Amino acid sequence: MSEAGLDGMPTSDSTITGYELQKVYEANKTGSQPVVFIHGLWLLPSSWDRWAAVFEQAGFTALTPGWPDDPDTVAEANANPEVMARKTIGQVADHFQEIVEALDKRPAIIGHSFGGLLAQILAGRGLASVTVAIDPAPFRGVLPLPISSLKSAWPVLGNPANRNRAVPLTFEQFRFGFANAVSENEAHELYNTFAVPASGAPLFQAAVANLNPWTEDKVDTENPDRGPLLLISGEKDNTVPWAITNASYKLQERNPGITEIIEMPNRGHALTIDNGWKEVADTALAFVRRFVSASDAAQKATA
């Protein structure tokens, strides 16, 4: 394990919580192939709970770590939004790297939105056995900037002071950015169940990534140890439209590893949490299974 877990407790400079460290320990003890899920802005790790159950049932061991200082519940996050502020892409990527490096096996990594960006960053560092990036936020070199993306990000980017704040979405903003492809009733249900304030910093970093050669919003797309990568795009996604995901794919396909892209029809940015989440989860699971086997991993560990 990494330094974070040598004595069973995180070191003083570690961002891993005791709960996350315990989950890493339990994952290592099973000997099964781990899968790490990374959420994006305006969501919490609980948004992956149903996904984790699907992968656990398939024989994998699922981990759903939070971003640094993530509250445990949506209610806590909405009551104390300031704890989520000032989290940058680099800080969050390093946090997840610490978790991944504490695992005995190189995990599959699945991320949504900014979590999809983080999944690609970690894969570019050679830390993933296989990666699935769902409606991933753009990185340096991704040039398309659709109007709908600007509108989705404007609740944050419209005020420069938001860089150092945690910014909530109104229902109308959530409806446009996440839940445009579902009914009004379901949109309200998703908003009440999942929506939390989000750090403004990553959006400002993404907005200027192509102007800043030192940006943290960058991916090593050429690392031969990146491993297989699947990018999933929701056809009706306003926040990360096909143009952005496809531009990411065009950069990633230069990698010697397998790179694939798929578009999910009639799906918006909420495709990981809305009524059609299982179809997306099954698509991701099928891709992961092509390259890592949960049962083989466990058998090798106990042999």
C-alpha atoms as a PDB file:
ATOM      1  CA  MET A   1       0.000   0.000   0.000  1.00  0.00           C
ATOM      2  CA  SER A   2       1.004   3.634  -0.302  1.00  0.00           C
ATOM      3  CA  GLU A   3       2.234   5.755   2.587  1.00  0.00           C
ATOM      4  CA  ALA A   4      -1.358   6.633   3.402  1.00  0.00           C
ATOM      5  CA  GLY A   5      -2.047   3.181   4.740  1.00  0.00           C
ATOM      6  CA  LEU A   6       1.157   1.816   6.225  1.00  0.00           C
ATOM      7  CA  ASP A   7      -0.074   2.019   9.809  1.00  0.00           C
ATOM      8  CA  GLY A   8      -3.770   1.822   9.086  1.00  0.00           C
ATOM      9  CA  MET A   9      -4.237   5.588   9.254  1.00  0.00           C
ATOM     10  CA  PRO A  10      -3.697   8.357   6.687  1.00  0.00           C
ATOM     11  CA  THR A  11      -0.556  10.444   7.062  1.00  0.00           C
ATOM     12  CA  SER A  12      -0.871  14.068   8.139  1.00  0.00           C
ATOM     13  CA  ASP A  13      -0.690  15.360   4.559  1.00  0.00           C
ATOM     14  CA  SER A  14      -3.025  12.731   3.132  1.00  0.00           C
ATOM     15  CA  THR A  15      -6.490  13.648   1.877  1.00  0.00           C
ATOM     16  CA  ILE A  16      -7.805  10.089   2.223  1.00  0.00           C
ATOM     17  CA  THR A  17     -10.444   9.711   4.925  1.00  0.00           C
ATOM     18  CA  GLY A  18     -10.463   6.848   7.387  1.00  0.00           C
ATOM     19  CA  TYR A  19     -13.584   5.492   5.682  1.00  0.00           C
ATOM     20  CA  GLU A  20     -11.897   5.535   2.266  1.00  0.00           C
ATOM     21  CA  LEU A  21      -8.798   3.868   3.674  1.00  0.00           C
ATOM     22  CA  GLN A  22     -10.967   1.138   5.194  1.00  0.00           C
ATOM     23  CA  LYS A  23     -12.615   0.558   1.823  1.00  0.00           C
ATOM     24  CA  VAL A  24      -9.188   0.244   0.189  1.00  0.00           C
ATOM     25  CA  TYR A  25      -8.172  -2.287   2.847  1.00  0.00           C
ATOM     26  CA  GLU A  26     -11.372  -4.279   2.294  1.00  0.00           C
ATOM     27  CA  ALA A  27     -10.887  -4.202  -1.481  1.00  0.00           C
ATOM     28  CA  ASN A  28      -7.337  -5.485  -1.167  1.00  0.00           C
ATOM     29  CA  LYS A  29      -8.472  -8.224   1.184  1.00  0.00           C
ATOM     30  CA  THR A  30     -11.030  -9.571  -1.312  1.00  0.00           C
ATOM     31  CA  GLY A  31      -8.430 -10.110  -4.030  1.00  0.00           C
ATOM     32  CA  SER A  32     -11.069  -9.148  -6.603  1.00  0.00           C
ATOM     33  CA  GLN A  33     -10.514  -6.680  -9.407  1.00  0.00           C
ATOM     34  CA  PRO A  34     -11.223  -3.173  -8.047  1.00  0.00           C
ATOM     35  CA  VAL A  35     -13.276  -0.570  -9.868  1.00  0.00           C
ATOM     36  CA  VAL A  36     -12.967   3.056  -8.760  1.00  0.00           C
ATOM     37  CA  PHE A  37     -15.844   5.421  -9.525  1.00  0.00           C
ATOM     38  CA  ILE A  38     -15.237   9.187  -9.718  1.00  0.00           C
ATOM     39  CA  HIS A  39     -18.149  11.622  -9.600  1.00  0.00           C
ATOM     40  CA  GLY A  40     -18.205  15.056 -11.179  1.00  0.00           C
ATOM     41  CA  LEU A  41     -19.379  18.492 -10.135  1.00  0.00           C
ATOM     42  CA  TRP A  42     -22.767  18.926  -8.414  1.00  0.00           C
ATOM     43  CA  LEU A  43     -22.896  15.272  -7.328  1.00  0.00           C
ATOM     44  CA  LEU A  44     -21.584  13.139  -4.448  1.00  0.00           C
ATOM     45  CA  PRO A  45     -20.182   9.578  -4.312  1.00  0.00           C
ATOM     46  CA  SER A  46     -23.688   8.323  -3.472  1.00  0.00           C
ATOM     47  CA  SER A  47     -24.628   8.998  -7.092  1.00  0.00           C
ATOM     48  CA  TRP A  48     -22.683   5.794  -7.881  1.00  0.00           C
ATOM     49  CA  ASP A  49     -24.393   3.542  -5.326  1.00  0.00           C
ATOM     50  CA  ARG A  50     -26.500   1.651  -7.873  1.00  0.00           C
ATOM     51  CA  TRP A  51     -23.536   1.305 -10.220  1.00  0.00           C
ATOM     52  CA  ALA A  52     -21.402  -0.065  -7.415  1.00  0.00           C
ATOM     53  CA  ALA A  53     -24.036  -2.708  -6.687  1.00  0.00           C
ATOM     54  CA  VAL A  54     -24.085  -3.792 -10.355  1.00  0.00           C
ATOM     55  CA  PHE A  55     -20.311  -4.174 -10.466  1.00  0.00           C
ATOM     56  CA  GLU A  56     -20.201  -5.939  -7.100  1.00  0.00           C
ATOM     57  CA  GLN A  57     -22.811  -8.398  -8.337  1.00  0.00           C
ATOM     58  CA  ALA A  58     -20.591  -9.018 -11.360  1.00  0.00           C
ATOM     59  CA  GLY A  59     -17.739 -10.010  -9.036  1.00  0.00           C
ATOM     60  CA  PHE A  60     -15.750  -6.785  -8.890  1.00  0.00           C
ATOM     61  CA  THR A  61     -15.017  -4.818  -5.746  1.00  0.00           C
ATOM     62  CA  ALA A  62     -16.337  -1.263  -6.085  1.00  0.00           C
ATOM     63  CA  LEU A  63     -14.950   1.875  -4.469  1.00  0.00           C
ATOM     64  CA  THR A  64     -16.735   5.229  -4.579  1.00  0.00           C
ATOM     65  CA  PRO A  65     -14.344   7.743  -2.981  1.00  0.00           C
ATOM     66  CA  GLY A  66     -15.283  11.372  -2.643  1.00  0.00           C
ATOM     67  CA  TRP A  67     -13.449  14.498  -3.616  1.00  0.00           C
ATOM     68  CA  PRO A  68     -11.467  15.925  -0.687  1.00  0.00           C
ATOM     69  CA  ASP A  69     -13.814  17.089   2.096  1.00  0.00           C
ATOM     70  CA  ASP A  70     -16.971  15.782   0.412  1.00  0.00           C
ATOM     71  CA  PRO A  71     -19.820  15.641   2.969  1.00  0.00           C
ATOM     72  CA  ASP A  72     -21.453  12.279   3.530  1.00  0.00           C
ATOM     73  CA  THR A  73     -24.950  13.282   2.427  1.00  0.00           C
ATOM     74  CA  VAL A  74     -26.721  15.667   0.076  1.00  0.00           C
ATOM     75  CA  ALA A  75     -28.366  17.353   3.062  1.00  0.00           C
ATOM     76  CA  GLU A  76     -24.996  17.995   4.710  1.00  0.00           C
ATOM     77  CA  ALA A  77     -23.527  19.317   1.467  1.00  0.00           C
ATOM     78  CA  ASN A  78     -26.386  21.749   0.949  1.00  0.00           C
ATOM     79  CA  ALA A  79     -26.200  22.891   4.576  1.00  0.00           C
ATOM     80  CA  ASN A  80     -22.413  23.411   4.533  1.00  0.00           C
ATOM     81  CA  PRO A  81     -21.417  24.181   0.933  1.00  0.00           C
ATOM     82  CA  GLU A  82     -18.228  26.042   1.854  1.00  0.00           C
ATOM     83  CA  VAL A  83     -16.349  22.768   2.557  1.00  0.00           C
ATOM     84  CA  MET A  84     -16.549  21.938  -1.157  1.00  0.00           C
ATOM     85  CA  ALA A  85     -14.992  25.196  -2.340  1.00  0.00           C
ATOM     86  CA  ARG A  86     -11.479  25.732  -3.772  1.00  0.00           C
ATOM     87  CA  LYS A  87     -10.973  22.145  -4.967  1.00  0.00           C
ATOM     88  CA  THR A  88      -8.819  22.266  -8.103  1.00  0.00           C
ATOM     89  CA  ILE A  89      -8.408  19.626 -10.797  1.00  0.00           C
ATOM     90  CA  GLY A  90      -4.835  18.924  -9.719  1.00  0.00           C
ATOM     91  CA  GLN A  91      -5.723  18.548  -6.055  1.00  0.00           C
ATOM     92  CA  VAL A  92      -8.563  16.157  -6.788  1.00  0.00           C
ATOM     93  CA  ALA A  93      -6.516  14.125  -9.277  1.00  0.00           C
ATOM     94  CA  ASP A  94      -3.730  13.710  -6.718  1.00  0.00           C
ATOM     95  CA  HIS A  95      -6.298  12.662  -4.101  1.00  0.00           C
ATOM     96  CA  PHE A  96      -7.609   9.888  -6.322  1.00  0.00           C
ATOM     97  CA  GLN A  97      -4.088   8.882  -7.318  1.00  0.00           C
ATOM     98  CA  GLU A  98      -3.277   8.337  -3.651  1.00  0.00           C
ATOM     99  CA  ILE A  99      -6.314   6.077  -3.322  1.00  0.00           C
ATOM    100  CA  VAL A 100      -5.538   4.155  -6.512  1.00  0.00           C
ATOM    101  CA  GLU A 101      -1.903   3.628  -5.541  1.00  0.00           C
ATOM    102  CA  ALA A 102      -3.033   2.185  -2.185  1.00  0.00           C
ATOM    103  CA  LEU A 103      -4.788  -0.640  -4.025  1.00  0.00           C
ATOM    104  CA  ASP A 104      -2.934  -3.896  -4.597  1.00  0.00           C
ATOM    105  CA  LYS A 105      -4.285  -4.158  -8.139  1.00  0.00           C
ATOM    106  CA  ARG A 106      -4.427  -1.498 -10.818  1.00  0.00           C
ATOM    107  CA  PRO A 107      -8.148  -0.689 -10.911  1.00  0.00           C
ATOM    108  CA  ALA A 108     -10.636  -0.046 -13.635  1.00  0.00           C
ATOM    109  CA  ILE A 109     -11.606   3.615 -13.367  1.00  0.00           C
ATOM    110  CA  ILE A 110     -15.016   5.006 -14.309  1.00  0.00           C
ATOM    111  CA  GLY A 111     -15.801   8.706 -14.173  1.00  0.00           C
ATOM    112  CA  HIS A 112     -18.622  11.051 -15.117  1.00  0.00           C
ATOM    113  CA  SER A 113     -18.287  14.684 -16.243  1.00  0.00           C
ATOM    114  CA  PHE A 114     -15.300  16.154 -14.376  1.00  0.00           C
ATOM    115  CA  GLY A 115     -14.934  12.652 -12.979  1.00  0.00           C
ATOM    116  CA  GLY A 116     -14.513  11.484 -16.572  1.00  0.00           C
ATOM    117  CA  LEU A 117     -11.744  14.028 -17.000  1.00  0.00           C
ATOM    118  CA  LEU A 118     -10.105  12.850 -13.768  1.00  0.00           C
ATOM    119  CA  ALA A 119     -10.370   9.230 -14.923  1.00  0.00           C
ATOM    120  CA  GLN A 120      -8.467  10.146 -18.093  1.00  0.00           C
ATOM    121  CA  ILE A 121      -5.839  12.059 -16.105  1.00  0.00           C
ATOM    122  CA  LEU A 122      -5.225   8.987 -13.941  1.00  0.00           C
ATOM    123  CA  ALA A 123      -5.168   6.698 -16.972  1.00  0.00           C
ATOM    124  CA  GLY A 124      -2.642   9.029 -18.564  1.00  0.00           C
ATOM    125  CA  ARG A 125      -0.490   8.559 -15.473  1.00  0.00           C
ATOM    126  CA  GLY A 126      -0.550   4.811 -16.086  1.00  0.00           C
ATOM    127  CA  LEU A 127      -2.760   4.055 -13.076  1.00  0.00           C
ATOM    128  CA  ALA A 128      -5.773   2.381 -14.723  1.00  0.00           C
ATOM    129  CA  SER A 129      -6.216  -1.130 -16.085  1.00  0.00           C
ATOM    130  CA  VAL A 130      -9.168   0.099 -18.165  1.00  0.00           C
ATOM    131  CA  THR A 131     -11.031   3.409 -18.187  1.00  0.00           C
ATOM    132  CA  VAL A 132     -14.559   4.579 -18.963  1.00  0.00           C
ATOM    133  CA  ALA A 133     -15.113   8.335 -19.255  1.00  0.00           C
ATOM    134  CA  ILE A 134     -18.781   9.345 -19.425  1.00  0.00           C
ATOM    135  CA  ASP A 135     -19.623  12.804 -20.818  1.00  0.00           C
ATOM    136  CA  PRO A 136     -16.127  13.885 -19.750  1.00  0.00           C
ATOM    137  CA  ALA A 137     -15.195  17.507 -19.137  1.00  0.00           C
ATOM    138  CA  PRO A 138     -12.686  18.804 -21.719  1.00  0.00           C
ATOM    139  CA  PHE A 139      -8.919  19.004 -21.247  1.00  0.00           C
ATOM    140  CA  ARG A 140      -6.192  21.083 -22.868  1.00  0.00           C
ATOM    141  CA  GLY A 141      -6.259  20.468 -26.618  1.00  0.00           C
ATOM    142  CA  VAL A 142     -10.015  19.927 -26.812  1.00  0.00           C
ATOM    143  CA  LEU A 143     -11.144  22.929 -28.844  1.00  0.00           C
ATOM    144  CA  PRO A 144     -14.933  22.817 -29.458  1.00  0.00           C
ATOM    145  CA  LEU A 145     -16.932  25.154 -27.217  1.00  0.00           C
ATOM    146  CA  PRO A 146     -20.648  24.675 -27.950  1.00  0.00           C
ATOM    147  CA  ILE A 147     -23.078  27.376 -26.853  1.00  0.00           C
ATOM    148  CA  SER A 148     -24.983  24.902 -24.670  1.00  0.00           C
ATOM    149  CA  SER A 149     -21.772  24.173 -22.740  1.00  0.00           C
ATOM    150  CA  LEU A 150     -21.243  27.848 -22.087  1.00  0.00           C
ATOM    151  CA  LYS A 151     -24.827  28.186 -20.892  1.00  0.00           C
ATOM    152  CA  SER A 152     -24.420  25.189 -18.567  1.00  0.00           C
ATOM    153  CA  ALA A 153     -21.232  26.622 -17.069  1.00  0.00           C
ATOM    154  CA  TRP A 154     -22.459  30.218 -16.849  1.00  0.00           C
ATOM    155  CA  PRO A 155     -23.916  29.894 -13.308  1.00  0.00           C
ATOM    156  CA  VAL A 156     -20.262  29.576 -12.244  1.00  0.00           C
ATOM    157  CA  LEU A 157     -18.289  31.418 -14.913  1.00  0.00           C
ATOM    158  CA  GLY A 158     -20.643  34.394 -14.889  1.00  0.00           C
ATOM    159  CA  ASN A 159     -19.095  35.651 -11.646  1.00  0.00           C
ATOM    160  CA  PRO A 160     -15.272  35.582 -11.279  1.00  0.00           C
ATOM    161  CA  ALA A 161     -15.624  35.401  -7.493  1.00  0.00           C
ATOM    162  CA  ASN A 162     -17.127  31.931  -7.926  1.00  0.00           C
ATOM    163  CA  ARG A 163     -13.637  30.548  -8.509  1.00  0.00           C
ATOM    164  CA  ASN A 164     -13.182  30.436  -4.742  1.00  0.00           C
ATOM    165  CA  ARG A 165     -16.721  29.414  -3.888  1.00  0.00           C
ATOM    166  CA  ALA A 166     -18.942  26.377  -3.872  1.00  0.00           C
ATOM    167  CA  VAL A 167     -21.782  27.158  -6.274  1.00  0.00           C
ATOM    168  CA  PRO A 168     -25.224  25.513  -6.177  1.00  0.00           C
ATOM    169  CA  LEU A 169     -27.499  25.167  -9.179  1.00  0.00           C
ATOM    170  CA  THR A 170     -31.102  26.334  -9.212  1.00  0.00           C
ATOM    171  CA  PHE A 171     -33.603  23.777 -10.420  1.00  0.00           C
ATOM    172  CA  GLU A 172     -33.844  25.555 -13.783  1.00  0.00           C
ATOM    173  CA  GLN A 173     -30.056  25.445 -14.186  1.00  0.00           C
ATOM    174  CA  PHE A 174     -29.969  21.765 -13.214  1.00  0.00           C
ATOM    175  CA  ARG A 175     -32.810  21.054 -15.619  1.00  0.00           C
ATOM    176  CA  PHE A 176     -30.839  22.544 -18.521  1.00  0.00           C
ATOM    177  CA  GLY A 177     -27.413  21.200 -17.623  1.00  0.00           C
ATOM    178  CA  PHE A 178     -28.327  17.735 -16.356  1.00  0.00           C
ATOM    179  CA  ALA A 179     -31.958  16.769 -16.679  1.00  0.00           C
ATOM    180  CA  ASN A 180     -33.076  18.112 -20.074  1.00  0.00           C
ATOM    181  CA  ALA A 181     -33.722  14.605 -21.459  1.00  0.00           C
ATOM    182  CA  VAL A 182     -36.127  13.448 -18.724  1.00  0.00           C
ATOM    183  CA  SER A 183     -39.592  14.483 -17.634  1.00  0.00           C
ATOM    184  CA  GLU A 184     -40.222  17.498 -15.412  1.00  0.00           C
ATOM    185  CA  ASN A 185     -41.207  15.220 -12.544  1.00  0.00           C
ATOM    186  CA  GLU A 186     -38.067  13.124 -12.832  1.00  0.00           C
ATOM    187  CA  ALA A 187     -35.939  16.258 -13.121  1.00  0.00           C
ATOM    188  CA  HIS A 188     -37.318  17.464  -9.776  1.00  0.00           C
ATOM    189  CA  GLU A 189     -36.687  14.056  -8.240  1.00  0.00           C
ATOM    190  CA  LEU A 190     -33.082  13.983  -9.466  1.00  0.00           C
ATOM    191  CA  TYR A 191     -32.484  17.531  -8.280  1.00  0.00           C
ATOM    192  CA  ASN A 192     -33.812  16.819  -4.792  1.00  0.00           C
ATOM    193  CA  THR A 193     -31.995  13.487  -4.526  1.00  0.00           C
ATOM    194  CA  PHE A 194     -28.574  14.235  -5.962  1.00  0.00           C
ATOM    195  CA  ALA A 195     -27.797  17.936  -6.549  1.00  0.00           C
ATOM    196  CA  VAL A 196     -25.210  19.619  -4.304  1.00  0.00           C
ATOM    197  CA  PRO A 197     -23.027  22.745  -4.572  1.00  0.00           C
ATOM    198  CA  ALA A 198     -19.787  22.356  -6.504  1.00  0.00           C
ATOM    199  CA  SER A 199     -16.338  23.911  -6.445  1.00  0.00           C
ATOM    200  CA  GLY A 200     -16.122  26.673  -9.035  1.00  0.00           C
ATOM    201  CA  ALA A 201     -12.363  26.307  -9.548  1.00  0.00           C
ATOM    202  CA  PRO A 202     -12.390  23.379 -12.023  1.00  0.00           C
ATOM    203  CA  LEU A 203     -14.728  25.183 -14.399  1.00  0.00           C
ATOM    204  CA  PHE A 204     -12.484  28.239 -14.450  1.00  0.00           C
ATOM    205  CA  GLN A 205      -9.495  25.962 -15.046  1.00  0.00           C
ATOM    206  CA  ALA A 206     -11.245  24.253 -17.939  1.00  0.00           C
ATOM    207  CA  ALA A 207     -12.311  27.574 -19.438  1.00  0.00           C
ATOM    208  CA  VAL A 208      -8.708  28.752 -19.874  1.00  0.00           C
ATOM    209  CA  ALA A 209      -6.939  25.401 -20.319  1.00  0.00           C
ATOM    210  CA  ASN A 210      -6.060  26.067 -23.945  1.00  0.00           C
ATOM    211  CA  LEU A 211      -4.529  29.428 -23.021  1.00  0.00           C
ATOM    212  CA  ASN A 212      -2.454  28.155 -20.094  1.00  0.00           C
ATOM    213  CA  PRO A 213       0.467  25.819 -20.880  1.00  0.00           C
ATOM    214  CA  TRP A 214       0.843  25.099 -17.141  1.00  0.00           C
ATOM    215  CA  THR A 215      -2.800  24.152 -16.626  1.00  0.00           C
ATOM    216  CA  GLU A 216      -3.750  21.273 -14.350  1.00  0.00           C
ATOM    217  CA  ASP A 217      -6.475  20.470 -16.878  1.00  0.00           C
ATOM    218  CA  LYS A 218      -4.303  18.286 -19.070  1.00  0.00           C
ATOM    219  CA  VAL A 219      -4.155  14.605 -19.991  1.00  0.00           C
ATOM    220  CA  ASP A 220      -1.201  12.543 -21.168  1.00  0.00           C
ATOM    221  CA  THR A 221      -2.940  10.948 -24.127  1.00  0.00           C
ATOM    222  CA  GLU A 222       0.210   9.299 -25.489  1.00  0.00           C
ATOM    223  CA  ASN A 223       1.323   7.208 -22.499  1.00  0.00           C
ATOM    224  CA  PRO A 224       1.499   3.589 -23.785  1.00  0.00           C
ATOM    225  CA  ASP A 225       0.522   2.431 -20.288  1.00  0.00           C
ATOM    226  CA  ARG A 226      -2.801   4.280 -20.498  1.00  0.00           C
ATOM    227  CA  GLY A 227      -4.739   1.078 -21.199  1.00  0.00           C
ATOM    228  CA  PRO A 228      -8.092   0.649 -22.987  1.00  0.00           C
ATOM    229  CA  LEU A 229     -10.423   3.641 -22.920  1.00  0.00           C
ATOM    230  CA  LEU A 230     -14.122   4.015 -23.688  1.00  0.00           C
ATOM    231  CA  LEU A 231     -15.735   7.432 -23.991  1.00  0.00           C
ATOM    232  CA  ILE A 232     -19.529   7.567 -23.632  1.00  0.00           C
ATOM    233  CA  SER A 233     -21.555  10.556 -24.836  1.00  0.00           C
ATOM    234  CA  GLY A 234     -25.203  11.351 -24.206  1.00  0.00           C
ATOM    235  CA  GLU A 235     -26.874  12.381 -27.459  1.00  0.00           C
ATOM    236  CA  LYS A 236     -28.812  15.240 -25.820  1.00  0.00           C
ATOM    237  CA  ASP A 237     -26.151  16.346 -23.340  1.00  0.00           C
ATOM    238  CA  ASN A 238     -26.112  20.144 -23.075  1.00  0.00           C
ATOM    239  CA  THR A 239     -23.143  20.296 -20.709  1.00  0.00           C
ATOM    240  CA  VAL A 240     -20.727  18.034 -22.608  1.00  0.00           C
ATOM    241  CA  PRO A 241     -22.166  17.645 -26.119  1.00  0.00           C
ATOM    242  CA  TRP A 242     -20.908  15.133 -28.665  1.00  0.00           C
ATOM    243  CA  ALA A 243     -18.531  17.722 -30.152  1.00  0.00           C
ATOM    244  CA  ILE A 244     -16.526  17.845 -26.919  1.00  0.00           C
ATOM    245  CA  THR A 245     -16.490  14.104 -26.259  1.00  0.00           C
ATOM    246  CA  ASN A 246     -15.597  13.353 -29.873  1.00  0.00           C
ATOM    247  CA  ALA A 247     -12.755  15.904 -29.784  1.00  0.00           C
ATOM    248  CA  SER A 248     -11.430  14.153 -26.677  1.00  0.00           C
ATOM    249  CA  TYR A 249     -11.693  10.849 -28.540  1.00  0.00           C
ATOM    250  CA  LYS A 250      -9.745  12.227 -31.507  1.00  0.00           C
ATOM    251  CA  LEU A 251      -6.878  13.137 -29.188  1.00  0.00           C
ATOM    252  CA  GLN A 252      -7.046   9.866 -27.277  1.00  0.00           C
ATOM    253  CA  GLU A 253      -7.179   7.616 -30.329  1.00  0.00           C
ATOM    254  CA  ARG A 254      -3.543   8.501 -31.065  1.00  0.00           C
ATOM    255  CA  ASN A 255      -2.684   6.330 -28.083  1.00  0.00           C
ATOM    256  CA  PRO A 256      -1.464   2.789 -28.929  1.00  0.00           C
ATOM    257  CA  GLY A 257      -4.103   1.409 -26.574  1.00  0.00           C
ATOM    258  CA  ILE A 258      -7.662   0.576 -27.584  1.00  0.00           C
ATOM    259  CA  THR A 259      -9.810   3.724 -27.755  1.00  0.00           C
ATOM    260  CA  GLU A 260     -13.543   3.614 -28.431  1.00  0.00           C
ATOM    261  CA  ILE A 261     -16.472   6.009 -28.331  1.00  0.00           C
ATOM    262  CA  ILE A 262     -20.204   5.408 -28.141  1.00  0.00           C
ATOM    263  CA  GLU A 263     -23.219   7.704 -28.130  1.00  0.00           C
ATOM    264  CA  MET A 264     -26.205   6.840 -25.956  1.00  0.00           C
ATOM    265  CA  PRO A 265     -29.390   7.912 -27.802  1.00  0.00           C
ATOM    266  CA  ASN A 266     -31.782  10.399 -26.181  1.00  0.00           C
ATOM    267  CA  ARG A 267     -29.644  10.807 -23.062  1.00  0.00           C
ATOM    268  CA  GLY A 268     -28.609  13.977 -21.241  1.00  0.00           C
ATOM    269  CA  HIS A 269     -25.863  14.736 -18.731  1.00  0.00           C
ATOM    270  CA  ALA A 270     -27.829  12.940 -15.998  1.00  0.00           C
ATOM    271  CA  LEU A 271     -27.407   9.612 -17.813  1.00  0.00           C
ATOM    272  CA  THR A 272     -25.568   8.051 -14.838  1.00  0.00           C
ATOM    273  CA  ILE A 273     -28.374   8.807 -12.365  1.00  0.00           C
ATOM    274  CA  ASP A 274     -31.626   9.040 -14.330  1.00  0.00           C
ATOM    275  CA  ASN A 275     -34.103   6.280 -15.166  1.00  0.00           C
ATOM    276  CA  GLY A 276     -31.812   4.873 -17.877  1.00  0.00           C
ATOM    277  CA  TRP A 277     -28.690   4.593 -15.693  1.00  0.00           C
ATOM    278  CA  LYS A 278     -28.659   0.770 -15.901  1.00  0.00           C
ATOM    279  CA  GLU A 279     -28.158   0.778 -19.679  1.00  0.00           C
ATOM    280  CA  VAL A 280     -25.119   3.025 -19.288  1.00  0.00           C
ATOM    281  CA  ALA A 281     -23.788   0.940 -16.399  1.00  0.00           C
ATOM    282  CA  ASP A 282     -24.160  -2.253 -18.421  1.00  0.00           C
ATOM    283  CA  THR A 283     -22.336  -0.628 -21.342  1.00  0.00           C
ATOM    284  CA  ALA A 284     -19.455   0.332 -19.070  1.00  0.00           C
ATOM    285  CA  LEU A 285     -19.424  -3.097 -17.422  1.00  0.00           C
ATOM    286  CA  ALA A 286     -19.261  -4.869 -20.780  1.00  0.00           C
ATOM    287  CA  PHE A 287     -16.256  -2.771 -21.804  1.00  0.00           C
ATOM    288  CA  VAL A 288     -14.449  -3.365 -18.509  1.00  0.00           C
ATOM    289  CA  ARG A 289     -15.105  -7.103 -18.730  1.00  0.00           C
ATOM    290  CA  ARG A 290     -13.395  -7.258 -22.115  1.00  0.00           C
ATOM    291  CA  PHE A 291     -10.081  -6.398 -20.486  1.00  0.00           C
ATOM    292  CA  VAL A 292     -10.236  -7.433 -16.823  1.00  0.00           C
ATOM    293  CA  SER A 293     -11.967 -10.373 -15.225  1.00  0.00           C
ATOM    294  CA  ALA A 294     -13.318 -10.099 -11.706  1.00  0.00           C
ATOM    295  CA  SER A 295     -13.251 -13.858 -11.116  1.00  0.00           C
ATOM    296  CA  ASP A 296      -9.792 -14.387 -12.616  1.00  0.00           C
ATOM    297  CA  ALA A 297      -8.393 -11.598 -10.463  1.00  0.00           C
ATOM    298  CA  ALA A 298      -9.818 -13.162  -7.332  1.00  0.00           C
ATOM    299  CA  GLN A 299      -8.606 -16.648  -8.298  1.00  0.00           C
ATOM    300  CA  LYS A 300      -5.088 -15.388  -8.951  1.00  0.00           C
ATOM    301  CA  ALA A 301      -5.079 -13.605  -5.601  1.00  0.00           C
ATOM    302  CA  THR A 302      -6.004 -16.760  -3.695  1.00  0.00           C
ATOM    303  CA  ALA A 303      -3.849 -19.176  -5.715  1.00  0.00           C
END
